[in-house]
N, C-alpha and C. Protein backbone atom coordinates (compact mmCIF):
# COMPACT_ATOMS: atom_id res chain seq x y z
N MET A 1 0.82 -1.23 0.06
CA MET A 1 -0.04 0.00 0.08
C MET A 1 0.94 1.15 -0.04
N HIS A 2 1.18 1.87 -1.17
CA HIS A 2 1.87 3.14 -1.20
C HIS A 2 1.33 4.22 -0.68
N GLU A 3 0.06 4.35 -0.28
CA GLU A 3 -0.76 5.37 0.25
C GLU A 3 -0.06 5.50 1.74
N PHE A 4 0.57 4.62 2.40
CA PHE A 4 1.16 4.91 3.68
C PHE A 4 2.33 5.84 3.44
N SER A 5 3.24 5.51 2.41
CA SER A 5 4.42 6.30 2.31
C SER A 5 3.99 7.76 1.97
N VAL A 6 2.67 7.80 1.15
CA VAL A 6 2.25 9.06 0.67
C VAL A 6 1.94 9.83 2.13
N ALA A 7 1.05 9.16 3.01
CA ALA A 7 0.78 9.68 4.21
C ALA A 7 1.89 9.98 4.97
N LEU A 8 2.93 9.59 5.14
CA LEU A 8 4.31 9.88 5.86
C LEU A 8 4.89 11.10 5.23
N ASN A 9 4.84 11.15 3.91
CA ASN A 9 5.17 12.52 3.21
C ASN A 9 4.31 13.53 3.59
N ILE A 10 3.10 13.39 3.66
CA ILE A 10 2.30 14.48 4.03
C ILE A 10 2.61 14.98 5.46
N VAL A 11 2.87 14.04 6.34
CA VAL A 11 3.19 14.38 7.69
C VAL A 11 4.50 15.01 7.67
N ASP A 12 5.55 14.62 6.89
CA ASP A 12 6.85 15.35 6.83
C ASP A 12 6.71 16.86 6.30
N ILE A 13 5.81 16.93 5.39
CA ILE A 13 5.85 18.38 4.57
C ILE A 13 5.02 19.32 5.61
N ALA A 14 3.78 18.85 6.31
CA ALA A 14 3.26 19.52 7.00
C ALA A 14 4.00 19.91 8.39
N SER A 15 4.72 19.06 8.89
CA SER A 15 5.51 19.33 10.07
C SER A 15 6.65 20.32 9.94
N GLY A 16 7.43 19.95 8.73
CA GLY A 16 8.37 20.72 8.31
C GLY A 16 8.09 22.22 8.02
N THR A 17 6.78 22.37 7.54
CA THR A 17 6.38 23.75 7.17
C THR A 17 5.95 24.29 8.41
N ALA A 18 5.23 23.70 9.41
CA ALA A 18 5.05 24.34 10.74
C ALA A 18 6.27 24.75 11.47
N LYS A 19 7.19 23.69 11.49
CA LYS A 19 8.38 24.02 12.21
C LYS A 19 9.17 25.31 11.85
N ASP A 20 9.20 25.31 10.47
CA ASP A 20 9.71 26.57 9.95
C ASP A 20 9.12 27.93 10.21
N ALA A 21 7.80 27.63 10.60
CA ALA A 21 7.13 28.84 10.65
C ALA A 21 7.09 29.28 12.28
N GLY A 22 7.63 28.27 13.08
CA GLY A 22 7.60 28.57 14.45
C GLY A 22 6.54 28.10 15.18
N ALA A 23 5.59 27.33 14.47
CA ALA A 23 4.38 26.90 15.18
C ALA A 23 4.56 25.75 16.09
N GLU A 24 3.67 25.79 17.14
CA GLU A 24 3.63 24.55 18.12
C GLU A 24 2.64 23.56 17.58
N ARG A 25 1.64 23.94 16.89
CA ARG A 25 0.67 22.88 16.51
C ARG A 25 0.04 23.15 15.19
N ILE A 26 -0.35 21.99 14.66
CA ILE A 26 -1.18 22.09 13.28
C ILE A 26 -2.57 21.98 13.45
N ASN A 27 -3.30 22.91 13.12
CA ASN A 27 -4.77 22.75 13.57
C ASN A 27 -5.61 22.02 12.25
N GLU A 28 -4.94 22.45 10.98
CA GLU A 28 -5.64 21.67 9.80
C GLU A 28 -4.91 21.66 8.61
N VAL A 29 -4.96 20.51 7.92
CA VAL A 29 -4.15 20.34 6.66
C VAL A 29 -5.23 19.95 5.40
N GLU A 30 -5.17 20.65 4.41
CA GLU A 30 -6.06 20.35 3.32
C GLU A 30 -5.06 19.79 2.20
N ILE A 31 -5.64 18.71 1.61
CA ILE A 31 -4.88 17.89 0.68
C ILE A 31 -5.72 17.72 -0.69
N ASP A 32 -5.03 17.89 -1.84
CA ASP A 32 -5.61 17.59 -3.00
C ASP A 32 -5.19 16.48 -3.76
N VAL A 33 -6.19 15.53 -4.04
CA VAL A 33 -5.82 14.32 -4.64
C VAL A 33 -6.60 14.08 -5.72
N GLY A 34 -5.99 14.01 -7.11
CA GLY A 34 -6.62 13.90 -8.34
C GLY A 34 -6.99 12.36 -8.41
N VAL A 35 -8.16 12.24 -9.17
CA VAL A 35 -8.69 10.84 -9.43
C VAL A 35 -7.76 9.98 -10.20
N LEU A 36 -6.94 10.75 -10.88
CA LEU A 36 -6.03 9.94 -11.80
C LEU A 36 -4.59 9.84 -11.32
N SER A 37 -4.44 10.31 -9.90
CA SER A 37 -2.99 10.34 -9.19
C SER A 37 -2.52 8.96 -8.94
N GLY A 38 -3.47 7.93 -8.88
CA GLY A 38 -2.90 6.67 -8.44
C GLY A 38 -3.19 6.45 -6.91
N VAL A 39 -3.80 7.48 -6.22
CA VAL A 39 -3.85 7.29 -4.98
C VAL A 39 -5.42 6.94 -4.46
N ILE A 40 -5.54 6.03 -3.74
CA ILE A 40 -6.99 5.83 -3.27
C ILE A 40 -7.32 6.41 -2.10
N VAL A 41 -8.35 7.41 -2.07
CA VAL A 41 -8.52 8.25 -1.05
C VAL A 41 -8.84 7.55 0.30
N GLU A 42 -9.51 6.57 0.28
CA GLU A 42 -10.09 5.76 1.39
C GLU A 42 -8.71 5.22 2.13
N ALA A 43 -8.01 4.67 1.35
CA ALA A 43 -6.65 4.07 1.86
C ALA A 43 -5.64 5.15 2.39
N LEU A 44 -5.59 6.32 1.92
CA LEU A 44 -4.94 7.35 2.35
C LEU A 44 -5.35 7.71 3.64
N GLU A 45 -6.80 7.92 3.70
CA GLU A 45 -7.44 8.28 5.04
C GLU A 45 -7.23 7.28 6.02
N PHE A 46 -7.21 6.12 5.84
CA PHE A 46 -6.79 5.12 6.85
C PHE A 46 -5.23 5.13 7.13
N ALA A 47 -4.27 5.19 6.22
CA ALA A 47 -2.96 5.39 6.42
C ALA A 47 -2.59 6.75 7.20
N LEU A 48 -3.39 7.87 6.92
CA LEU A 48 -3.12 8.97 7.84
C LEU A 48 -3.39 8.91 9.32
N GLU A 49 -4.39 7.84 9.65
CA GLU A 49 -4.69 7.60 11.01
C GLU A 49 -3.54 7.26 11.82
N SER A 50 -2.73 6.34 11.12
CA SER A 50 -1.59 5.88 11.86
C SER A 50 -0.28 6.82 11.75
N ALA A 51 -0.20 7.36 10.62
CA ALA A 51 0.94 8.23 10.18
C ALA A 51 1.02 9.51 11.27
N VAL A 52 -0.08 9.95 11.56
CA VAL A 52 -0.17 11.38 12.26
C VAL A 52 0.17 10.90 13.81
N ILE A 53 -0.03 9.89 14.40
CA ILE A 53 0.26 9.45 15.97
C ILE A 53 1.62 10.09 16.13
N ASP A 54 1.54 10.78 17.39
CA ASP A 54 2.78 11.39 18.09
C ASP A 54 3.44 12.54 17.10
N THR A 55 2.74 13.19 16.35
CA THR A 55 3.25 14.17 15.54
C THR A 55 2.53 15.42 15.69
N LEU A 56 2.94 16.56 15.11
CA LEU A 56 2.05 17.89 15.29
C LEU A 56 0.60 17.60 14.47
N LEU A 57 0.40 16.71 13.77
CA LEU A 57 -0.77 16.47 13.07
C LEU A 57 -1.78 15.70 13.87
N GLU A 58 -1.26 15.16 15.02
CA GLU A 58 -2.12 14.13 15.78
C GLU A 58 -3.62 14.54 15.98
N ASN A 59 -3.84 15.94 16.17
CA ASN A 59 -5.10 16.50 16.51
C ASN A 59 -5.64 17.40 15.48
N ALA A 60 -4.95 17.64 14.36
CA ALA A 60 -5.32 18.24 13.14
C ALA A 60 -6.53 17.87 12.40
N LYS A 61 -7.24 18.67 11.96
CA LYS A 61 -8.42 18.16 10.92
C LYS A 61 -7.76 18.02 9.61
N ILE A 62 -7.86 16.88 9.19
CA ILE A 62 -7.33 16.88 7.72
C ILE A 62 -8.46 16.68 6.67
N THR A 63 -8.48 17.50 5.77
CA THR A 63 -9.55 17.32 4.71
C THR A 63 -8.82 16.99 3.39
N ILE A 64 -9.50 16.06 2.85
CA ILE A 64 -9.00 15.67 1.54
C ILE A 64 -9.99 16.06 0.41
N ASN A 65 -9.51 16.85 -0.57
CA ASN A 65 -10.26 17.11 -1.66
C ASN A 65 -9.99 16.25 -2.94
N GLU A 66 -11.06 15.62 -3.26
CA GLU A 66 -10.97 14.72 -4.68
C GLU A 66 -11.08 15.55 -5.88
N ILE A 67 -10.10 15.76 -6.66
CA ILE A 67 -10.10 16.49 -7.72
C ILE A 67 -10.44 15.67 -9.04
N LYS A 68 -11.65 16.08 -9.59
CA LYS A 68 -12.02 15.35 -10.71
C LYS A 68 -11.13 15.45 -12.08
N SER A 69 -11.06 14.64 -12.88
CA SER A 69 -10.25 14.68 -14.19
C SER A 69 -10.86 15.43 -15.25
N LYS A 70 -9.80 16.07 -15.95
CA LYS A 70 -10.33 16.76 -17.06
C LYS A 70 -9.25 16.47 -18.24
N ALA A 71 -9.65 16.40 -19.41
CA ALA A 71 -8.57 16.04 -20.44
C ALA A 71 -9.17 16.80 -21.66
N ARG A 72 -8.24 17.11 -22.63
CA ARG A 72 -8.42 17.64 -24.02
C ARG A 72 -7.77 16.80 -25.11
N CYS A 73 -8.60 16.36 -26.04
CA CYS A 73 -8.39 15.56 -27.05
C CYS A 73 -7.47 16.13 -27.99
N ASN A 74 -6.52 15.63 -28.33
CA ASN A 74 -5.26 16.15 -29.34
C ASN A 74 -5.73 16.14 -30.70
N GLU A 75 -6.72 15.44 -31.11
CA GLU A 75 -7.28 15.43 -32.48
C GLU A 75 -8.41 16.46 -32.56
N CYS A 76 -9.32 16.50 -31.85
CA CYS A 76 -10.58 17.46 -32.12
C CYS A 76 -10.81 18.57 -31.02
N GLY A 77 -10.06 18.59 -29.95
CA GLY A 77 -9.83 19.59 -28.94
C GLY A 77 -11.21 19.49 -27.86
N THR A 78 -11.96 18.26 -28.06
CA THR A 78 -13.03 18.09 -26.95
C THR A 78 -12.45 17.95 -25.65
N GLU A 79 -12.98 18.64 -24.58
CA GLU A 79 -12.67 18.38 -23.15
C GLU A 79 -13.63 17.39 -22.68
N PHE A 80 -13.11 16.43 -22.02
CA PHE A 80 -13.91 15.30 -21.32
C PHE A 80 -13.39 14.97 -19.92
N SER A 81 -14.11 14.27 -19.16
CA SER A 81 -13.52 13.61 -17.88
C SER A 81 -13.23 12.12 -18.02
N PRO A 82 -11.93 11.55 -18.46
CA PRO A 82 -11.62 10.19 -18.43
C PRO A 82 -11.49 9.68 -17.00
N GLU A 83 -11.84 8.45 -16.91
CA GLU A 83 -11.72 7.75 -15.79
C GLU A 83 -10.51 6.91 -15.72
N SER A 84 -9.67 7.00 -16.58
CA SER A 84 -8.35 6.33 -16.70
C SER A 84 -7.30 7.10 -17.51
N HIS A 85 -6.17 6.61 -17.55
CA HIS A 85 -5.07 7.30 -18.54
C HIS A 85 -5.30 6.70 -19.85
N ILE A 86 -6.03 5.57 -20.14
CA ILE A 86 -6.29 4.90 -21.51
C ILE A 86 -7.68 4.99 -21.84
N GLU A 87 -8.04 5.84 -22.52
CA GLU A 87 -9.61 6.01 -22.68
C GLU A 87 -9.81 6.82 -24.00
N GLN A 88 -10.81 6.45 -24.72
CA GLN A 88 -11.14 7.04 -26.02
C GLN A 88 -11.75 8.52 -25.76
N CYS A 89 -11.51 9.47 -26.82
CA CYS A 89 -12.22 10.65 -26.79
C CYS A 89 -13.72 10.46 -27.08
N PRO A 90 -14.69 10.81 -26.13
CA PRO A 90 -16.12 10.54 -26.61
C PRO A 90 -16.71 11.15 -27.83
N GLN A 91 -15.88 12.07 -28.45
CA GLN A 91 -16.51 12.83 -29.72
C GLN A 91 -15.65 12.21 -31.09
N CYS A 92 -14.43 11.83 -31.13
CA CYS A 92 -13.92 11.45 -32.31
C CYS A 92 -13.32 9.85 -32.15
N GLY A 93 -13.09 9.40 -30.96
CA GLY A 93 -12.75 8.20 -30.82
C GLY A 93 -11.23 8.17 -30.60
N SER A 94 -10.49 9.05 -30.59
CA SER A 94 -8.91 9.12 -30.44
C SER A 94 -8.61 8.65 -29.06
N PHE A 95 -7.45 8.26 -28.90
CA PHE A 95 -6.85 7.80 -27.71
C PHE A 95 -5.81 8.74 -27.21
N GLY A 96 -5.60 9.82 -28.15
CA GLY A 96 -4.55 10.76 -27.85
C GLY A 96 -5.17 12.10 -27.01
N PHE A 97 -4.86 12.21 -25.67
CA PHE A 97 -5.22 13.45 -25.13
C PHE A 97 -4.53 13.83 -24.11
N ASP A 98 -4.46 15.03 -23.56
CA ASP A 98 -3.54 15.49 -22.62
C ASP A 98 -4.52 15.89 -21.32
N ILE A 99 -3.90 15.39 -20.26
CA ILE A 99 -4.68 15.46 -18.99
C ILE A 99 -4.43 16.90 -18.53
N ILE A 100 -5.71 17.73 -18.32
CA ILE A 100 -5.45 19.00 -17.74
C ILE A 100 -5.47 19.02 -16.35
N ARG A 101 -6.41 18.17 -15.68
CA ARG A 101 -6.50 18.30 -14.33
C ARG A 101 -7.00 16.90 -13.86
N GLY A 102 -6.56 16.23 -12.72
CA GLY A 102 -6.82 15.14 -12.08
C GLY A 102 -5.73 14.16 -11.60
N LYS A 103 -4.44 14.82 -11.81
CA LYS A 103 -3.29 14.06 -11.50
C LYS A 103 -2.68 14.43 -10.09
N GLU A 104 -3.32 15.75 -9.51
CA GLU A 104 -2.78 16.40 -8.29
C GLU A 104 -2.55 15.49 -7.32
N LEU A 105 -1.54 15.60 -6.47
CA LEU A 105 -1.40 15.21 -5.23
C LEU A 105 -0.43 16.12 -4.49
N ARG A 106 -1.05 17.14 -3.59
CA ARG A 106 -0.40 17.99 -2.86
C ARG A 106 -1.03 18.48 -1.69
N VAL A 107 -0.20 18.90 -0.80
CA VAL A 107 -0.54 19.69 0.56
C VAL A 107 -1.05 21.09 -0.20
N LYS A 108 -2.47 21.43 -0.03
CA LYS A 108 -2.90 22.65 -0.48
C LYS A 108 -2.81 23.78 0.54
N SER A 109 -3.05 23.43 1.83
CA SER A 109 -2.91 24.50 2.94
C SER A 109 -2.57 23.89 4.13
N ILE A 110 -1.98 24.68 5.24
CA ILE A 110 -1.77 24.21 6.40
C ILE A 110 -2.15 25.35 7.44
N ASN A 111 -2.90 25.09 8.43
CA ASN A 111 -3.36 26.15 9.29
C ASN A 111 -2.66 25.91 10.71
N VAL A 112 -1.84 26.69 11.24
CA VAL A 112 -0.93 26.42 12.33
C VAL A 112 -1.05 27.36 13.42
N ASP A 113 -0.82 27.16 14.71
CA ASP A 113 -0.71 28.11 15.84
C ASP A 113 0.77 28.09 16.20
């Protein structure tokens, strides 16, 4: 389950940012996870439960925003929401498209005291 290593990285990023700011506690962390990022949100939530123990995030509210996908067909320019990296354009049937949104995996914001 690679979500646990993702959870540990989130803890490291948030803790490091809080320490750099001279904060003593983290109140809230907001995370963006794209549906095409390869991260299963439920598994990440489960992994975070363990990863935050005895850290500045232990009592923090953690919000995970699931970012929907958006792609643009390279042939006809149609924008659509693919459910995977291998999908046909619903307009022309081409398999060539650029993903515009949906691969995100980032700590969006951190609220500290």
